[in-house]
């Protein structure tokens, strides 16, 4: 069963702790924290104080705090987010001209190393870094805002990346973020993803957060 990582960007910030708790108690394993700077992506979101606030809940429930830095110059903030309690930190290849050095800094900060790439970025940009990472994130929408539709071409990209990871004998997670819903979750997992990030599909709509998590579990279990 793939891991489910609700993206807190879609949660009610006023009830963030209760929303996150409901998702975790319903069976989600990770909390995905999108950090946007208004430069690399056209939006502003949260900072290290939110990671710090969620750390006690993660410790209590055994959840992973998965921090995704969608920002320019992420290297300057690695230690800040590590100190705040991040378990893993993901940076974008598009913002890191010295990607190996950034990956080493994440590792030395005590966090799992993640690398992300946008929909239009070729997989070739990952070739030399793949042996060093714990997670690769394929963005299946153009980052910046929640509620976007999944880009269909992402499925082939996920499948190709899974083949590359398998050829390396890598146990790195293959995470997908953008437009993930119960209706396409199985397609994405069959292509090779093992961590699904979902925002509005978990925290939006008229159903409860727990019901939305269960909808993912049913969608993935029913068709296996």
C-alpha atoms as a PDB file:
ATOM      1  CA  UNK A   1       0.000   0.000   0.000  1.00  0.00           C
ATOM      2  CA  UNK A   2       1.491   3.362  -0.971  1.00  0.00           C
ATOM      3  CA  UNK A   3       2.073   6.021   1.648  1.00  0.00           C
ATOM      4  CA  UNK A   4      -0.357   8.915   1.791  1.00  0.00           C
ATOM      5  CA  UNK A   5       1.050  12.386   2.474  1.00  0.00           C
ATOM      6  CA  UNK A   6      -1.687  14.993   2.991  1.00  0.00           C
ATOM      7  CA  UNK A   7      -0.516  18.447   1.962  1.00  0.00           C
ATOM      8  CA  UNK A   8      -1.302  20.893   4.730  1.00  0.00           C
ATOM      9  CA  UNK A   9      -1.425  23.778   2.247  1.00  0.00           C
ATOM     10  CA  UNK A  10      -5.049  22.762   1.647  1.00  0.00           C
ATOM     11  CA  UNK A  11      -5.979  22.454   5.329  1.00  0.00           C
ATOM     12  CA  UNK A  12      -7.807  25.073   7.361  1.00  0.00           C
ATOM     13  CA  UNK A  13      -4.902  26.968   8.882  1.00  0.00           C
ATOM     14  CA  UNK A  14      -7.062  27.894  11.858  1.00  0.00           C
ATOM     15  CA  UNK A  15      -7.664  24.228  12.602  1.00  0.00           C
ATOM     16  CA  UNK A  16      -4.381  22.894  11.269  1.00  0.00           C
ATOM     17  CA  UNK A  17      -3.529  20.651  14.196  1.00  0.00           C
ATOM     18  CA  UNK A  18      -6.984  19.058  14.316  1.00  0.00           C
ATOM     19  CA  UNK A  19      -7.116  18.582  10.533  1.00  0.00           C
ATOM     20  CA  UNK A  20      -3.644  17.041  10.475  1.00  0.00           C
ATOM     21  CA  UNK A  21      -4.494  14.797  13.416  1.00  0.00           C
ATOM     22  CA  UNK A  22      -7.690  13.606  11.741  1.00  0.00           C
ATOM     23  CA  UNK A  23      -5.773  12.686   8.579  1.00  0.00           C
ATOM     24  CA  UNK A  24      -3.121  10.784  10.515  1.00  0.00           C
ATOM     25  CA  UNK A  25      -5.603   8.973  12.722  1.00  0.00           C
ATOM     26  CA  UNK A  26      -7.506   7.933   9.591  1.00  0.00           C
ATOM     27  CA  UNK A  27      -4.388   6.230   8.238  1.00  0.00           C
ATOM     28  CA  UNK A  28      -2.190   8.806   6.499  1.00  0.00           C
ATOM     29  CA  UNK A  29       1.486   8.284   7.276  1.00  0.00           C
ATOM     30  CA  UNK A  30       3.163  11.567   6.327  1.00  0.00           C
ATOM     31  CA  UNK A  31       2.406  15.277   6.481  1.00  0.00           C
ATOM     32  CA  UNK A  32       3.594  17.217   3.437  1.00  0.00           C
ATOM     33  CA  UNK A  33       4.579  20.830   4.105  1.00  0.00           C
ATOM     34  CA  UNK A  34       4.806  23.025   0.996  1.00  0.00           C
ATOM     35  CA  UNK A  35       6.998  26.067   1.537  1.00  0.00           C
ATOM     36  CA  UNK A  36       6.551  28.668  -1.219  1.00  0.00           C
ATOM     37  CA  UNK A  37       8.481  31.918  -1.478  1.00  0.00           C
ATOM     38  CA  UNK A  38       6.494  33.963  -3.995  1.00  0.00           C
ATOM     39  CA  UNK A  39       9.482  33.970  -6.377  1.00  0.00           C
ATOM     40  CA  UNK A  40      10.139  30.441  -7.613  1.00  0.00           C
ATOM     41  CA  UNK A  41       6.399  29.849  -7.467  1.00  0.00           C
ATOM     42  CA  UNK A  42       3.631  32.488  -7.508  1.00  0.00           C
ATOM     43  CA  UNK A  43       2.413  31.989  -3.971  1.00  0.00           C
ATOM     44  CA  UNK A  44       3.421  32.454  -0.335  1.00  0.00           C
ATOM     45  CA  UNK A  45       2.705  29.783   2.242  1.00  0.00           C
ATOM     46  CA  UNK A  46       4.218  28.705   5.554  1.00  0.00           C
ATOM     47  CA  UNK A  47       7.581  28.842   7.296  1.00  0.00           C
ATOM     48  CA  UNK A  48       9.569  26.810   9.825  1.00  0.00           C
ATOM     49  CA  UNK A  49       7.239  27.814  12.666  1.00  0.00           C
ATOM     50  CA  UNK A  50       4.537  25.573  11.176  1.00  0.00           C
ATOM     51  CA  UNK A  51       6.951  22.638  10.998  1.00  0.00           C
ATOM     52  CA  UNK A  52       7.893  23.263  14.608  1.00  0.00           C
ATOM     53  CA  UNK A  53       4.211  23.390  15.612  1.00  0.00           C
ATOM     54  CA  UNK A  54       3.515  20.051  13.885  1.00  0.00           C
ATOM     55  CA  UNK A  55       6.549  18.256  15.340  1.00  0.00           C
ATOM     56  CA  UNK A  56       4.831  17.174  18.591  1.00  0.00           C
ATOM     57  CA  UNK A  57       1.922  15.700  16.625  1.00  0.00           C
ATOM     58  CA  UNK A  58       4.333  13.846  14.344  1.00  0.00           C
ATOM     59  CA  UNK A  59       6.176  12.456  17.374  1.00  0.00           C
ATOM     60  CA  UNK A  60       2.921  11.380  18.991  1.00  0.00           C
ATOM     61  CA  UNK A  61       1.584   9.605  15.900  1.00  0.00           C
ATOM     62  CA  UNK A  62       4.832   8.385  14.347  1.00  0.00           C
ATOM     63  CA  UNK A  63       4.242  10.487  11.233  1.00  0.00           C
ATOM     64  CA  UNK A  64       6.935  11.798   8.905  1.00  0.00           C
ATOM     65  CA  UNK A  65       7.223  15.552   8.402  1.00  0.00           C
ATOM     66  CA  UNK A  66       7.991  15.915   4.714  1.00  0.00           C
ATOM     67  CA  UNK A  67       9.124  19.473   3.867  1.00  0.00           C
ATOM     68  CA  UNK A  68       9.078  20.601   0.227  1.00  0.00           C
ATOM     69  CA  UNK A  69      11.034  23.806  -0.383  1.00  0.00           C
ATOM     70  CA  UNK A  70       9.558  25.474  -3.469  1.00  0.00           C
ATOM     71  CA  UNK A  71      11.844  28.441  -3.216  1.00  0.00           C
ATOM     72  CA  UNK A  72      14.916  30.158  -4.582  1.00  0.00           C
ATOM     73  CA  UNK A  73      18.158  29.574  -2.685  1.00  0.00           C
ATOM     74  CA  UNK A  74      16.811  26.702  -0.562  1.00  0.00           C
ATOM     75  CA  UNK A  75      20.290  25.956   0.759  1.00  0.00           C
ATOM     76  CA  UNK A  76      20.050  29.007   3.021  1.00  0.00           C
ATOM     77  CA  UNK A  77      17.062  27.478   4.840  1.00  0.00           C
ATOM     78  CA  UNK A  78      18.035  23.829   5.211  1.00  0.00           C
ATOM     79  CA  UNK A  79      19.341  24.133   8.765  1.00  0.00           C
ATOM     80  CA  UNK A  80      16.367  26.284   9.765  1.00  0.00           C
ATOM     81  CA  UNK A  81      13.847  23.654   8.694  1.00  0.00           C
ATOM     82  CA  UNK A  82      15.946  20.798  10.020  1.00  0.00           C
ATOM     83  CA  UNK A  83      16.106  22.495  13.421  1.00  0.00           C
ATOM     84  CA  UNK A  84      12.338  23.066  13.282  1.00  0.00           C
ATOM     85  CA  UNK A  85      11.790  19.312  13.035  1.00  0.00           C
ATOM     86  CA  UNK A  86      11.700  18.266   9.381  1.00  0.00           C
ATOM     87  CA  UNK A  87      12.326  14.563   8.777  1.00  0.00           C
ATOM     88  CA  UNK A  88      12.964  15.063   5.084  1.00  0.00           C
ATOM     89  CA  UNK A  89      13.714  18.112   2.949  1.00  0.00           C
ATOM     90  CA  UNK A  90      13.047  18.230  -0.778  1.00  0.00           C
ATOM     91  CA  UNK A  91      14.535  20.866  -3.071  1.00  0.00           C
ATOM     92  CA  UNK A  92      13.982  21.567  -6.759  1.00  0.00           C
ATOM     93  CA  UNK A  93      16.629  20.846  -9.370  1.00  0.00           C
ATOM     94  CA  UNK A  94      15.529  24.077 -11.056  1.00  0.00           C
ATOM     95  CA  UNK A  95      16.714  26.203  -8.113  1.00  0.00           C
ATOM     96  CA  UNK A  96      19.966  24.390  -7.285  1.00  0.00           C
ATOM     97  CA  UNK A  97      22.868  24.954  -9.687  1.00  0.00           C
ATOM     98  CA  UNK A  98      25.074  23.113  -7.158  1.00  0.00           C
ATOM     99  CA  UNK A  99      22.637  20.308  -6.451  1.00  0.00           C
ATOM    100  CA  UNK A 100      25.154  17.822  -5.050  1.00  0.00           C
ATOM    101  CA  UNK A 101      26.303  20.326  -2.448  1.00  0.00           C
ATOM    102  CA  UNK A 102      22.719  21.061  -1.438  1.00  0.00           C
ATOM    103  CA  UNK A 103      21.994  17.334  -1.144  1.00  0.00           C
ATOM    104  CA  UNK A 104      25.037  16.905   1.077  1.00  0.00           C
ATOM    105  CA  UNK A 105      23.900  19.803   3.261  1.00  0.00           C
ATOM    106  CA  UNK A 106      20.484  18.204   3.713  1.00  0.00           C
ATOM    107  CA  UNK A 107      22.154  14.934   4.666  1.00  0.00           C
ATOM    108  CA  UNK A 108      24.491  16.587   7.156  1.00  0.00           C
ATOM    109  CA  UNK A 109      21.528  18.429   8.679  1.00  0.00           C
ATOM    110  CA  UNK A 110      20.140  15.006   9.614  1.00  0.00           C
ATOM    111  CA  UNK A 111      17.273  14.883   7.129  1.00  0.00           C
ATOM    112  CA  UNK A 112      16.341  12.577   4.289  1.00  0.00           C
ATOM    113  CA  UNK A 113      17.395  14.021   0.946  1.00  0.00           C
ATOM    114  CA  UNK A 114      14.648  14.768  -1.556  1.00  0.00           C
ATOM    115  CA  UNK A 115      14.855  16.185  -5.061  1.00  0.00           C
ATOM    116  CA  UNK A 116      11.870  17.492  -7.049  1.00  0.00           C
ATOM    117  CA  UNK A 117      11.354  18.430 -10.661  1.00  0.00           C
ATOM    118  CA  UNK A 118       8.641  20.397 -12.395  1.00  0.00           C
ATOM    119  CA  UNK A 119       6.466  19.009 -15.207  1.00  0.00           C
ATOM    120  CA  UNK A 120       8.576  20.519 -17.995  1.00  0.00           C
ATOM    121  CA  UNK A 121      11.940  19.491 -16.514  1.00  0.00           C
ATOM    122  CA  UNK A 122      13.449  16.412 -18.213  1.00  0.00           C
ATOM    123  CA  UNK A 123      14.394  13.377 -16.143  1.00  0.00           C
ATOM    124  CA  UNK A 124      17.971  13.716 -17.396  1.00  0.00           C
ATOM    125  CA  UNK A 125      18.524  16.469 -14.839  1.00  0.00           C
ATOM    126  CA  UNK A 126      18.340  13.794 -12.131  1.00  0.00           C
ATOM    127  CA  UNK A 127      20.763  11.276 -13.603  1.00  0.00           C
ATOM    128  CA  UNK A 128      23.824  12.114 -11.522  1.00  0.00           C
ATOM    129  CA  UNK A 129      21.958  12.788  -8.269  1.00  0.00           C
ATOM    130  CA  UNK A 130      19.717   9.701  -8.142  1.00  0.00           C
ATOM    131  CA  UNK A 131      22.222   7.497  -6.265  1.00  0.00           C
ATOM    132  CA  UNK A 132      22.367  10.067  -3.452  1.00  0.00           C
ATOM    133  CA  UNK A 133      18.696  10.700  -2.727  1.00  0.00           C
ATOM    134  CA  UNK A 134      16.118   9.195  -0.408  1.00  0.00           C
ATOM    135  CA  UNK A 135      13.150  10.603  -2.340  1.00  0.00           C
ATOM    136  CA  UNK A 136      12.351  11.890  -5.813  1.00  0.00           C
ATOM    137  CA  UNK A 137       9.276  14.069  -6.252  1.00  0.00           C
ATOM    138  CA  UNK A 138       7.569  14.333  -9.618  1.00  0.00           C
ATOM    139  CA  UNK A 139       5.376  17.405  -9.818  1.00  0.00           C
ATOM    140  CA  UNK A 140       2.278  16.503 -11.814  1.00  0.00           C
ATOM    141  CA  UNK A 141       1.037  20.110 -11.898  1.00  0.00           C
ATOM    142  CA  UNK A 142       2.918  23.373 -12.208  1.00  0.00           C
ATOM    143  CA  UNK A 143       3.593  24.270  -8.571  1.00  0.00           C
ATOM    144  CA  UNK A 144       2.136  27.244  -6.770  1.00  0.00           C
ATOM    145  CA  UNK A 145      -1.527  26.534  -6.157  1.00  0.00           C
ATOM    146  CA  UNK A 146      -3.665  23.636  -5.020  1.00  0.00           C
ATOM    147  CA  UNK A 147      -6.690  22.237  -6.795  1.00  0.00           C
ATOM    148  CA  UNK A 148      -5.083  21.903 -10.229  1.00  0.00           C
ATOM    149  CA  UNK A 149      -5.756  19.026 -12.626  1.00  0.00           C
ATOM    150  CA  UNK A 150      -3.241  16.211 -12.997  1.00  0.00           C
ATOM    151  CA  UNK A 151      -1.068  16.541 -16.123  1.00  0.00           C
ATOM    152  CA  UNK A 152      -1.583  13.211 -17.992  1.00  0.00           C
ATOM    153  CA  UNK A 153       1.972  13.129 -19.370  1.00  0.00           C
ATOM    154  CA  UNK A 154       3.198  12.755 -15.802  1.00  0.00           C
ATOM    155  CA  UNK A 155       2.313   9.062 -15.813  1.00  0.00           C
ATOM    156  CA  UNK A 156       4.943   8.232 -18.428  1.00  0.00           C
ATOM    157  CA  UNK A 157       7.499  10.279 -16.530  1.00  0.00           C
ATOM    158  CA  UNK A 158       6.749   8.376 -13.323  1.00  0.00           C
ATOM    159  CA  UNK A 159       7.069   5.056 -15.141  1.00  0.00           C
ATOM    160  CA  UNK A 160      10.445   6.018 -16.650  1.00  0.00           C
ATOM    161  CA  UNK A 161      11.751   7.236 -13.314  1.00  0.00           C
ATOM    162  CA  UNK A 162      10.689   4.023 -11.602  1.00  0.00           C
ATOM    163  CA  UNK A 163      12.683   2.050 -14.170  1.00  0.00           C
ATOM    164  CA  UNK A 164      15.742   4.208 -13.490  1.00  0.00           C
ATOM    165  CA  UNK A 165      15.479   3.747  -9.736  1.00  0.00           C
ATOM    166  CA  UNK A 166      15.044   0.008 -10.119  1.00  0.00           C
ATOM    167  CA  UNK A 167      18.063  -0.201 -12.435  1.00  0.00           C
ATOM    168  CA  UNK A 168      20.148   1.513  -9.751  1.00  0.00           C
ATOM    169  CA  UNK A 169      18.842  -0.799  -7.048  1.00  0.00           C
ATOM    170  CA  UNK A 170      17.666   2.330  -5.255  1.00  0.00           C
ATOM    171  CA  UNK A 171      15.151   2.171  -2.421  1.00  0.00           C
ATOM    172  CA  UNK A 172      14.372   5.889  -2.735  1.00  0.00           C
ATOM    173  CA  UNK A 173      10.725   6.853  -2.518  1.00  0.00           C
ATOM    174  CA  UNK A 174       9.032   8.031  -5.697  1.00  0.00           C
ATOM    175  CA  UNK A 175       6.576  10.718  -4.678  1.00  0.00           C
ATOM    176  CA  UNK A 176       3.962  12.409  -6.869  1.00  0.00           C
ATOM    177  CA  UNK A 177       2.294  15.736  -6.100  1.00  0.00           C
ATOM    178  CA  UNK A 178      -0.420  17.527  -8.045  1.00  0.00           C
ATOM    179  CA  UNK A 179      -3.994  16.676  -8.922  1.00  0.00           C
ATOM    180  CA  UNK A 180      -3.895  13.360  -7.054  1.00  0.00           C
ATOM    181  CA  UNK A 181      -7.360  11.997  -6.282  1.00  0.00           C
ATOM    182  CA  UNK A 182      -8.889   8.591  -5.541  1.00  0.00           C
ATOM    183  CA  UNK A 183      -9.890   8.392  -9.202  1.00  0.00           C
ATOM    184  CA  UNK A 184      -6.288   8.484 -10.468  1.00  0.00           C
ATOM    185  CA  UNK A 185      -4.372   7.168  -7.456  1.00  0.00           C
ATOM    186  CA  UNK A 186      -4.148   3.621  -8.778  1.00  0.00           C
ATOM    187  CA  UNK A 187      -2.867   4.769 -12.178  1.00  0.00           C
ATOM    188  CA  UNK A 188      -0.090   6.743 -10.502  1.00  0.00           C
ATOM    189  CA  UNK A 189       0.869   3.874  -8.210  1.00  0.00           C
ATOM    190  CA  UNK A 190       0.864   1.328 -11.007  1.00  0.00           C
ATOM    191  CA  UNK A 191       3.275   3.612 -12.868  1.00  0.00           C
ATOM    192  CA  UNK A 192       5.664   3.350  -9.920  1.00  0.00           C
ATOM    193  CA  UNK A 193       4.843   5.946  -7.259  1.00  0.00           C
ATOM    194  CA  UNK A 194       4.893   4.850  -3.633  1.00  0.00           C
ATOM    195  CA  UNK A 195       4.107   8.181  -1.913  1.00  0.00           C
ATOM    196  CA  UNK A 196       1.052  10.196  -2.906  1.00  0.00           C
ATOM    197  CA  UNK A 197       0.694  13.854  -1.956  1.00  0.00           C
ATOM    198  CA  UNK A 198      -2.896  15.072  -1.880  1.00  0.00           C
ATOM    199  CA  UNK A 199      -4.166  18.442  -0.707  1.00  0.00           C
ATOM    200  CA  UNK A 200      -7.672  19.445  -1.723  1.00  0.00           C
ATOM    201  CA  UNK A 201      -8.642  15.777  -2.161  1.00  0.00           C
ATOM    202  CA  UNK A 202      -7.926  15.262   1.558  1.00  0.00           C
ATOM    203  CA  UNK A 203      -8.831  18.575   3.157  1.00  0.00           C
ATOM    204  CA  UNK A 204     -11.434  19.873   0.691  1.00  0.00           C
ATOM    205  CA  UNK A 205     -14.970  19.013  -0.297  1.00  0.00           C
ATOM    206  CA  UNK A 206     -18.011  18.274   1.805  1.00  0.00           C
ATOM    207  CA  UNK A 207     -16.781  14.996   3.275  1.00  0.00           C
ATOM    208  CA  UNK A 208     -14.696  14.760   6.420  1.00  0.00           C
ATOM    209  CA  UNK A 209     -10.913  14.484   6.300  1.00  0.00           C
ATOM    210  CA  UNK A 210     -11.165  10.920   7.590  1.00  0.00           C
ATOM    211  CA  UNK A 211     -13.667   9.989   4.886  1.00  0.00           C
ATOM    212  CA  UNK A 212     -11.401  11.465   2.219  1.00  0.00           C
ATOM    213  CA  UNK A 213      -8.447   9.433   3.474  1.00  0.00           C
ATOM    214  CA  UNK A 214     -10.602   6.321   3.469  1.00  0.00           C
ATOM    215  CA  UNK A 215     -11.631   7.040  -0.134  1.00  0.00           C
ATOM    216  CA  UNK A 216      -7.967   6.818  -1.137  1.00  0.00           C
ATOM    217  CA  UNK A 217      -7.517   3.556   0.736  1.00  0.00           C
ATOM    218  CA  UNK A 218     -10.600   2.074  -0.885  1.00  0.00           C
ATOM    219  CA  UNK A 219      -9.514   3.196  -4.355  1.00  0.00           C
ATOM    220  CA  UNK A 220      -6.089   1.632  -3.948  1.00  0.00           C
ATOM    221  CA  UNK A 221      -7.237  -1.568  -2.290  1.00  0.00           C
ATOM    222  CA  UNK A 222     -10.266  -2.330  -4.467  1.00  0.00           C
ATOM    223  CA  UNK A 223      -8.321  -2.579  -7.731  1.00  0.00           C
ATOM    224  CA  UNK A 224      -5.228  -4.416  -6.490  1.00  0.00           C
END
